Amino acid sequence: MSLDDSIVVSVDTEYLDEQSIPEEDRFVFAYHIRIRNDGDQAATLRSRHWFIANGNADVQEVKGEGVVGEQPTIEPGETYRYSSGSVLSTRVGSMRGYYVMEADDGTLFHATIPVFTLAAPNALN
């Protein structure tokens, strides 16, 4: 297994109705990330790189160190979880990206964050 395949990222999303103001084109979403290390060495999450697209295909790039103020080290067989959020100007959008990870041996590699949809209730019907 290559290092790039050793980290598996999965995402659950939710629409935050109480923080959204549809009449002002403000749609707020939370996303809950699980990062599982299926490899044979520990890996530290060094940075993130997101591509956030709204329903008009406007894309915003977001880069930064770590996640939610942390640079967690994930041991083989372990899962790291965190939650964050995004505000869109449309009822539907998507996010994708990658984490820059550092293996115990110092090798840097990318862990892919698969594309996921952010959608207000009934937006996709």
Protein backbone atom coordinates (compact mmCIF):
# COMPACT_ATOMS: atom_id res chain seq x y z
CA MET A 1 0.00 0.00 0.00
CA SER A 2 1.38 3.41 -0.95
CA LEU A 3 1.46 6.17 1.64
CA ASP A 4 -1.11 8.13 -0.39
CA ASP A 5 -3.55 5.23 0.03
CA SER A 6 -2.80 4.60 3.71
CA ILE A 7 -4.98 7.47 4.97
CA VAL A 8 -8.72 7.12 4.35
CA VAL A 9 -10.91 10.21 4.75
CA SER A 10 -14.71 10.07 5.11
CA VAL A 11 -17.18 12.89 5.66
CA ASP A 12 -20.70 13.43 7.00
CA THR A 13 -22.43 16.78 6.51
CA GLU A 14 -25.35 18.64 8.01
CA TYR A 15 -27.23 21.81 7.22
CA LEU A 16 -27.36 24.28 10.12
CA ASP A 17 -30.80 25.78 9.77
CA GLU A 18 -30.51 27.91 12.91
CA GLN A 19 -27.42 29.70 11.53
CA SER A 20 -28.61 30.01 7.93
CA ILE A 21 -30.47 32.98 6.48
CA PRO A 22 -31.74 31.87 3.05
CA GLU A 23 -33.28 35.26 2.21
CA GLU A 24 -29.76 36.74 2.56
CA ASP A 25 -28.12 33.90 0.58
CA ARG A 26 -26.43 32.55 3.70
CA PHE A 27 -26.39 28.75 3.95
CA VAL A 28 -24.36 27.28 6.80
CA PHE A 29 -23.11 23.70 6.87
CA ALA A 30 -21.15 21.56 9.31
CA TYR A 31 -18.96 18.72 8.18
CA HIS A 32 -17.66 15.90 10.32
CA ILE A 33 -14.39 14.34 9.19
CA ARG A 34 -12.95 10.92 10.00
CA ILE A 35 -9.31 10.29 9.09
CA ARG A 36 -8.30 6.63 9.42
CA ASN A 37 -4.73 5.41 9.19
CA ASP A 38 -4.70 2.05 7.37
CA GLY A 39 -0.93 2.20 6.90
CA ASP A 40 1.90 0.63 8.88
CA GLN A 41 3.42 3.84 10.29
CA ALA A 42 2.12 6.86 12.15
CA ALA A 43 1.31 9.97 10.13
CA THR A 44 0.99 13.58 11.24
CA LEU A 45 -1.45 15.95 9.54
CA ARG A 46 0.63 19.01 8.67
CA SER A 47 -1.73 21.12 6.54
CA ARG A 48 -4.98 21.22 4.62
CA HIS A 49 -5.93 22.42 1.14
CA TRP A 50 -9.63 22.81 0.36
CA PHE A 51 -11.55 23.67 -2.79
CA ILE A 52 -15.03 24.92 -1.86
CA ALA A 53 -17.52 25.40 -4.71
CA ASN A 54 -20.94 26.98 -4.47
CA GLY A 55 -23.88 26.19 -6.74
CA ASN A 56 -22.72 28.84 -9.23
CA ALA A 57 -19.38 27.04 -9.68
CA ASP A 58 -17.50 29.82 -7.85
CA VAL A 59 -14.52 28.10 -6.21
CA GLN A 60 -12.71 29.30 -3.12
CA GLU A 61 -9.35 27.83 -2.13
CA VAL A 62 -8.50 27.53 1.55
CA LYS A 63 -5.05 26.50 2.80
CA GLY A 64 -3.73 26.35 6.31
CA GLU A 65 -1.73 24.48 8.88
CA GLY A 66 -3.36 21.55 10.62
CA VAL A 67 -7.07 21.29 11.32
CA VAL A 68 -9.07 23.03 14.07
CA GLY A 69 -5.82 24.28 15.60
CA GLU A 70 -4.20 20.85 15.76
CA GLN A 71 -1.64 18.83 13.86
CA PRO A 72 -2.68 15.38 15.02
CA THR A 73 -0.52 12.29 14.73
CA ILE A 74 -2.60 9.28 13.76
CA GLU A 75 -1.18 5.91 14.68
CA PRO A 76 -1.69 2.84 12.46
CA GLY A 77 -5.23 1.50 12.94
CA GLU A 78 -6.42 4.68 14.65
CA THR A 79 -8.99 7.26 13.55
CA TYR A 80 -8.90 11.01 14.17
CA ARG A 81 -12.20 12.92 14.11
CA TYR A 82 -13.01 16.61 13.95
CA SER A 83 -15.83 18.91 12.90
CA SER A 84 -15.79 22.23 11.12
CA GLY A 85 -18.07 24.29 8.93
CA SER A 86 -18.55 26.29 5.78
CA VAL A 87 -20.84 29.12 4.71
CA LEU A 88 -22.12 29.18 1.13
CA SER A 89 -24.11 31.76 -0.82
CA THR A 90 -26.14 29.03 -2.55
CA ARG A 91 -28.33 26.14 -1.35
CA VAL A 92 -25.96 23.55 -2.81
CA GLY A 93 -22.21 23.29 -3.07
CA SER A 94 -19.33 20.89 -2.71
CA MET A 95 -15.96 20.55 -1.07
CA ARG A 96 -12.87 18.51 -1.88
CA GLY A 97 -9.19 18.70 -1.21
CA TYR A 98 -6.29 17.01 0.50
CA TYR A 99 -4.23 16.92 3.65
CA VAL A 100 -0.46 17.09 3.58
CA MET A 101 0.66 14.29 5.86
CA GLU A 102 4.11 13.47 7.21
CA ALA A 103 4.93 9.81 7.79
CA ASP A 104 7.06 8.77 10.76
CA ASP A 105 10.02 8.37 8.40
CA GLY A 106 9.71 12.05 7.34
CA THR A 107 8.10 11.37 3.96
CA LEU A 108 5.47 13.96 2.97
CA PHE A 109 2.41 12.73 1.10
CA HIS A 110 -1.15 13.76 0.23
CA ALA A 111 -4.26 12.20 1.72
CA THR A 112 -7.20 12.87 -0.60
CA ILE A 113 -10.41 14.35 0.78
CA PRO A 114 -13.05 12.98 -1.60
CA VAL A 115 -15.59 15.42 -3.02
CA PHE A 116 -18.70 15.76 -0.88
CA THR A 117 -21.93 17.69 -1.35
CA LEU A 118 -23.31 20.40 0.91
CA ALA A 119 -27.05 20.79 0.36
CA ALA A 120 -29.88 22.52 2.18
CA PRO A 121 -32.95 20.32 2.75
CA ASN A 122 -34.93 19.71 -0.46
CA ALA A 123 -32.29 21.53 -2.52
CA LEU A 124 -31.58 18.44 -4.61
CA ASN A 125 -35.20 17.39 -5.21
